[in-house]
Each structure stands twice: as structure tokens, then as C-alpha cells.
Amino acid sequence: MSDTAMKEKMEKLEDYILEHKEQKGALIPVLHETQELFGYIPEEAQKMISELLHIPAAEIFGVATFYSRFTLTPKGKHTISVCLGTACYVKNAKGVIEKLEQELNVKTGDTTEDGKFTFVATRCLGCCGLAPVMTIDEDVYGKLVPDDIPNILKKY
């Protein structure tokens, strides 16, 4: 993100905080707004929130890491989720994960250098009959074998 874009987003965040700072329980809405603006909750924004809402930085960090909706690191344009539920695990989800790590050159939980993909493992996607399953954003891919991965990634 350019310095200009970061500055503009920080100004918007400041305006939002000042509008809501007297509101009881303002932290969660402010964190939601921060996530919307930046795509994650950067350290600079946490410092601003702390100063303007008079909340210790440790408390902001605690809330931001407690709720899965919030992230402290930038996310990719696309999110890849691979199911590790029992049915998927038994049907070689591990092989699918290894192939994704190889193709994307990242570990599970990371974002590619180009910012295109964030790759996460999940517990259950609710598609056990299609095991092993992965999603890319809202698209579902089932009955996967590791060799399917390169062609699927090419679509994105």
C-alpha cells in the first residue's frame, strides 16, 4: 500500500473513531471499520485506536486476536480453505495441502508474496460427501487429488 493510500485510510479511520468514541462499546465497530478500510488491522491503526479511545493497546490486541473475523496481517485477494475434518483428512487432505504449499510457495496460514492468495486450513466445510474439499472464496472444489491443484489455481 502506498504511503498516500495509507495516510488517506488512517484519516478516514480517525474520522470514524472520533464520530463513535463516545458510544459505549465502540471498540468492536471501530475494529470492523479498520478491517474494512485496510483488509486487516495494522499496528499503526491499533496505536491510533488506543490513543483516541483511551484503551490500552494490549486490550485492543486481545480483542483483535480473540475474534476470528479480525486479522492482524494482510490477506490475499483470494482465500483458499482446505478442510481438515475427519472425512477430508482420511481421504488425503494432507496431500492437497502439501501440493498447495508447493504451488503457492507458502505454508498454511500465510499469504503469497504477490498478495493473490491467503491459504488456511479449516475444521469442517460441511461437504463431507465431497471429501477432500477446498474452497477458493465462494467456489467449492471436491473429491480433490493433489494433481488437481495447478489447474484450479490457474483460474484465479
C-alpha atoms as a PDB file:
ATOM      1  CA  MET A   1       0.000   0.000   0.000  1.00  0.00           C
ATOM      2  CA  SER A   2       1.412   3.396  -0.927  1.00  0.00           C
ATOM      3  CA  ASP A   3       2.147   5.975   1.747  1.00  0.00           C
ATOM      4  CA  THR A   4      -0.586   8.210   0.310  1.00  0.00           C
ATOM      5  CA  ALA A   5      -3.194   5.441   0.404  1.00  0.00           C
ATOM      6  CA  MET A   6      -2.175   4.525   3.954  1.00  0.00           C
ATOM      7  CA  LYS A   7      -2.421   8.154   5.058  1.00  0.00           C
ATOM      8  CA  GLU A   8      -5.890   8.538   3.489  1.00  0.00           C
ATOM      9  CA  LYS A   9      -7.153   5.387   5.178  1.00  0.00           C
ATOM     10  CA  MET A  10      -5.711   6.464   8.532  1.00  0.00           C
ATOM     11  CA  GLU A  11      -7.517   9.812   8.168  1.00  0.00           C
ATOM     12  CA  LYS A  12     -10.805   8.034   7.401  1.00  0.00           C
ATOM     13  CA  LEU A  13     -10.271   5.796  10.405  1.00  0.00           C
ATOM     14  CA  GLU A  14      -9.571   8.784  12.626  1.00  0.00           C
ATOM     15  CA  ASP A  15     -12.794  10.454  11.484  1.00  0.00           C
ATOM     16  CA  TYR A  16     -14.721   7.255  12.173  1.00  0.00           C
ATOM     17  CA  ILE A  17     -13.226   6.888  15.651  1.00  0.00           C
ATOM     18  CA  LEU A  18     -13.976  10.497  16.539  1.00  0.00           C
ATOM     19  CA  GLU A  19     -17.592  10.052  15.424  1.00  0.00           C
ATOM     20  CA  HIS A  20     -18.036   6.949  17.601  1.00  0.00           C
ATOM     21  CA  LYS A  21     -15.680   7.433  20.536  1.00  0.00           C
ATOM     22  CA  GLU A  22     -18.458   8.411  22.980  1.00  0.00           C
ATOM     23  CA  GLN A  23     -20.509   5.372  22.029  1.00  0.00           C
ATOM     24  CA  LYS A  24     -20.499   2.592  24.621  1.00  0.00           C
ATOM     25  CA  GLY A  25     -18.659  -0.451  23.270  1.00  0.00           C
ATOM     26  CA  ALA A  26     -17.096   1.483  20.396  1.00  0.00           C
ATOM     27  CA  LEU A  27     -14.080  -0.808  20.077  1.00  0.00           C
ATOM     28  CA  ILE A  28     -15.749  -3.602  18.090  1.00  0.00           C
ATOM     29  CA  PRO A  29     -17.345  -1.266  15.500  1.00  0.00           C
ATOM     30  CA  VAL A  30     -14.029   0.603  15.202  1.00  0.00           C
ATOM     31  CA  LEU A  31     -12.165  -2.673  14.619  1.00  0.00           C
ATOM     32  CA  HIS A  32     -14.753  -3.658  11.984  1.00  0.00           C
ATOM     33  CA  GLU A  33     -14.254  -0.322  10.235  1.00  0.00           C
ATOM     34  CA  THR A  34     -10.477  -0.747  10.406  1.00  0.00           C
ATOM     35  CA  GLN A  35     -10.753  -4.208   8.875  1.00  0.00           C
ATOM     36  CA  GLU A  36     -12.983  -2.807   6.103  1.00  0.00           C
ATOM     37  CA  LEU A  37     -10.584   0.023   5.317  1.00  0.00           C
ATOM     38  CA  PHE A  38      -7.311  -1.895   5.346  1.00  0.00           C
ATOM     39  CA  GLY A  39      -8.336  -5.523   4.881  1.00  0.00           C
ATOM     40  CA  TYR A  40      -6.624  -6.207   8.218  1.00  0.00           C
ATOM     41  CA  ILE A  41      -5.815  -4.310  11.430  1.00  0.00           C
ATOM     42  CA  PRO A  42      -2.353  -2.770  11.071  1.00  0.00           C
ATOM     43  CA  GLU A  43      -0.233  -1.860  14.084  1.00  0.00           C
ATOM     44  CA  GLU A  44      -0.427   1.864  13.247  1.00  0.00           C
ATOM     45  CA  ALA A  45      -4.218   1.678  13.359  1.00  0.00           C
ATOM     46  CA  GLN A  46      -4.133  -0.164  16.692  1.00  0.00           C
ATOM     47  CA  LYS A  47      -1.993   2.636  18.138  1.00  0.00           C
ATOM     48  CA  MET A  48      -4.432   5.284  16.885  1.00  0.00           C
ATOM     49  CA  ILE A  49      -7.416   3.382  18.269  1.00  0.00           C
ATOM     50  CA  SER A  50      -5.664   3.067  21.618  1.00  0.00           C
ATOM     51  CA  GLU A  51      -4.917   6.787  21.806  1.00  0.00           C
ATOM     52  CA  LEU A  52      -8.307   8.030  20.645  1.00  0.00           C
ATOM     53  CA  LEU A  53     -10.470   5.580  22.591  1.00  0.00           C
ATOM     54  CA  HIS A  54      -8.208   5.613  25.661  1.00  0.00           C
ATOM     55  CA  ILE A  55      -7.988   1.825  25.639  1.00  0.00           C
ATOM     56  CA  PRO A  56      -4.701   0.032  26.364  1.00  0.00           C
ATOM     57  CA  ALA A  57      -3.028  -1.368  23.249  1.00  0.00           C
ATOM     58  CA  ALA A  58      -2.886  -4.801  24.905  1.00  0.00           C
ATOM     59  CA  GLU A  59      -6.676  -4.834  25.207  1.00  0.00           C
ATOM     60  CA  ILE A  60      -7.094  -3.910  21.536  1.00  0.00           C
ATOM     61  CA  PHE A  61      -4.660  -6.653  20.552  1.00  0.00           C
ATOM     62  CA  GLY A  62      -6.534  -9.116  22.766  1.00  0.00           C
ATOM     63  CA  VAL A  63      -9.901  -8.320  21.213  1.00  0.00           C
ATOM     64  CA  ALA A  64      -8.496  -8.325  17.670  1.00  0.00           C
ATOM     65  CA  THR A  65      -6.893 -11.750  18.147  1.00  0.00           C
ATOM     66  CA  PHE A  66      -9.850 -13.266  20.022  1.00  0.00           C
ATOM     67  CA  TYR A  67     -12.405 -12.815  17.230  1.00  0.00           C
ATOM     68  CA  SER A  68     -11.746 -14.790  14.046  1.00  0.00           C
ATOM     69  CA  ARG A  69     -13.311 -12.025  11.933  1.00  0.00           C
ATOM     70  CA  PHE A  70     -10.283  -9.829  12.610  1.00  0.00           C
ATOM     71  CA  THR A  71      -6.794 -10.338  11.274  1.00  0.00           C
ATOM     72  CA  LEU A  72      -3.535  -8.568  12.072  1.00  0.00           C
ATOM     73  CA  THR A  73      -1.879  -9.489   8.792  1.00  0.00           C
ATOM     74  CA  PRO A  74      -2.844  -8.570   5.237  1.00  0.00           C
ATOM     75  CA  LYS A  75      -4.986 -11.140   3.461  1.00  0.00           C
ATOM     76  CA  GLY A  76      -4.757 -12.110  -0.177  1.00  0.00           C
ATOM     77  CA  LYS A  77      -7.229 -11.247  -2.889  1.00  0.00           C
ATOM     78  CA  HIS A  78      -8.492 -14.848  -2.723  1.00  0.00           C
ATOM     79  CA  THR A  79      -8.811 -17.091   0.329  1.00  0.00           C
ATOM     80  CA  ILE A  80      -8.160 -20.789  -0.080  1.00  0.00           C
ATOM     81  CA  SER A  81      -9.582 -23.005   2.673  1.00  0.00           C
ATOM     82  CA  VAL A  82      -8.826 -26.701   2.864  1.00  0.00           C
ATOM     83  CA  CYS A  83     -10.965 -28.871   5.113  1.00  0.00           C
ATOM     84  CA  LEU A  84      -9.196 -30.990   7.714  1.00  0.00           C
ATOM     85  CA  GLY A  85     -12.349 -32.600   9.095  1.00  0.00           C
ATOM     86  CA  THR A  86     -12.300 -36.369   9.557  1.00  0.00           C
ATOM     87  CA  ALA A  87     -13.703 -37.334   6.152  1.00  0.00           C
ATOM     88  CA  CYS A  88     -11.364 -34.985   4.297  1.00  0.00           C
ATOM     89  CA  TYR A  89      -8.367 -35.945   6.377  1.00  0.00           C
ATOM     90  CA  VAL A  90      -8.949 -39.653   5.747  1.00  0.00           C
ATOM     91  CA  LYS A  91      -9.258 -39.003   2.002  1.00  0.00           C
ATOM     92  CA  ASN A  92      -5.854 -37.241   1.765  1.00  0.00           C
ATOM     93  CA  ALA A  93      -6.491 -33.589   2.537  1.00  0.00           C
ATOM     94  CA  LYS A  94      -2.876 -33.598   3.725  1.00  0.00           C
ATOM     95  CA  GLY A  95      -1.727 -34.336   0.161  1.00  0.00           C
ATOM     96  CA  VAL A  96      -3.862 -31.454  -1.145  1.00  0.00           C
ATOM     97  CA  ILE A  97      -2.352 -29.129   1.463  1.00  0.00           C
ATOM     98  CA  GLU A  98       1.190 -30.194   0.603  1.00  0.00           C
ATOM     99  CA  LYS A  99       0.521 -29.571  -3.110  1.00  0.00           C
ATOM    100  CA  LEU A 100      -0.939 -26.112  -2.362  1.00  0.00           C
ATOM    101  CA  GLU A 101       2.065 -25.226  -0.203  1.00  0.00           C
ATOM    102  CA  GLN A 102       4.348 -26.318  -3.034  1.00  0.00           C
ATOM    103  CA  GLU A 103       2.417 -24.492  -5.790  1.00  0.00           C
ATOM    104  CA  LEU A 104       1.920 -21.276  -3.802  1.00  0.00           C
ATOM    105  CA  ASN A 105       5.290 -21.377  -2.040  1.00  0.00           C
ATOM    106  CA  VAL A 106       3.662 -20.638   1.343  1.00  0.00           C
ATOM    107  CA  LYS A 107       2.809 -22.519   4.499  1.00  0.00           C
ATOM    108  CA  THR A 108      -0.737 -22.969   5.754  1.00  0.00           C
ATOM    109  CA  GLY A 109      -1.924 -19.720   7.354  1.00  0.00           C
ATOM    110  CA  ASP A 110       0.227 -17.482   5.142  1.00  0.00           C
ATOM    111  CA  THR A 111      -0.370 -15.147   2.214  1.00  0.00           C
ATOM    112  CA  THR A 112       1.542 -15.368  -1.059  1.00  0.00           C
ATOM    113  CA  GLU A 113       4.178 -12.716  -1.710  1.00  0.00           C
ATOM    114  CA  ASP A 114       2.142 -11.253  -4.569  1.00  0.00           C
ATOM    115  CA  GLY A 115      -0.887 -10.889  -2.271  1.00  0.00           C
ATOM    116  CA  LYS A 116      -3.020 -13.055  -4.517  1.00  0.00           C
ATOM    117  CA  PHE A 117      -3.836 -15.930  -2.127  1.00  0.00           C
ATOM    118  CA  THR A 118      -4.226 -16.497   1.590  1.00  0.00           C
ATOM    119  CA  PHE A 119      -4.139 -20.195   2.407  1.00  0.00           C
ATOM    120  CA  VAL A 120      -5.817 -21.575   5.547  1.00  0.00           C
ATOM    121  CA  ALA A 121      -6.871 -24.936   6.920  1.00  0.00           C
ATOM    122  CA  THR A 122     -10.343 -25.278   8.421  1.00  0.00           C
ATOM    123  CA  ARG A 123     -12.018 -27.901  10.586  1.00  0.00           C
ATOM    124  CA  CYS A 124     -15.115 -28.627   8.516  1.00  0.00           C
ATOM    125  CA  LEU A 125     -16.647 -27.066   5.425  1.00  0.00           C
ATOM    126  CA  GLY A 126     -19.804 -29.182   5.652  1.00  0.00           C
ATOM    127  CA  CYS A 127     -19.230 -31.020   2.377  1.00  0.00           C
ATOM    128  CA  CYS A 128     -18.167 -34.406   3.737  1.00  0.00           C
ATOM    129  CA  GLY A 129     -19.605 -36.276   0.747  1.00  0.00           C
ATOM    130  CA  LEU A 130     -17.165 -34.399  -1.497  1.00  0.00           C
ATOM    131  CA  ALA A 131     -14.072 -35.140   0.604  1.00  0.00           C
ATOM    132  CA  PRO A 132     -11.428 -33.887   0.365  1.00  0.00           C
ATOM    133  CA  VAL A 133     -12.762 -30.385  -0.143  1.00  0.00           C
ATOM    134  CA  MET A 134     -11.328 -26.912  -0.557  1.00  0.00           C
ATOM    135  CA  THR A 135     -12.888 -23.556  -1.257  1.00  0.00           C
ATOM    136  CA  ILE A 136     -11.458 -20.576  -3.026  1.00  0.00           C
ATOM    137  CA  ASP A 137     -13.583 -17.659  -1.934  1.00  0.00           C
ATOM    138  CA  GLU A 138     -17.127 -18.984  -2.550  1.00  0.00           C
ATOM    139  CA  ASP A 139     -16.148 -21.666  -5.078  1.00  0.00           C
ATOM    140  CA  VAL A 140     -16.182 -25.258  -3.775  1.00  0.00           C
ATOM    141  CA  TYR A 141     -13.873 -27.962  -5.143  1.00  0.00           C
ATOM    142  CA  GLY A 142     -14.471 -31.541  -4.048  1.00  0.00           C
ATOM    143  CA  LYS A 143     -13.115 -35.042  -4.487  1.00  0.00           C
ATOM    144  CA  LEU A 144      -9.701 -33.489  -4.939  1.00  0.00           C
ATOM    145  CA  VAL A 145      -6.419 -35.159  -5.662  1.00  0.00           C
ATOM    146  CA  PRO A 146      -3.177 -33.196  -5.374  1.00  0.00           C
ATOM    147  CA  ASP A 147      -2.730 -33.148  -9.169  1.00  0.00           C
ATOM    148  CA  ASP A 148      -5.982 -31.096  -9.494  1.00  0.00           C
ATOM    149  CA  ILE A 149      -4.440 -28.105  -7.729  1.00  0.00           C
ATOM    150  CA  PRO A 150      -2.372 -26.477 -10.525  1.00  0.00           C
ATOM    151  CA  ASN A 151      -5.316 -26.310 -12.943  1.00  0.00           C
ATOM    152  CA  ILE A 152      -7.658 -24.951 -10.267  1.00  0.00           C
ATOM    153  CA  LEU A 153      -5.178 -22.219  -9.304  1.00  0.00           C
ATOM    154  CA  LYS A 154      -4.826 -21.156 -12.965  1.00  0.00           C
ATOM    155  CA  LYS A 155      -8.480 -19.998 -12.882  1.00  0.00           C
ATOM    156  CA  TYR A 156      -7.534 -17.292 -10.375  1.00  0.00           C
END
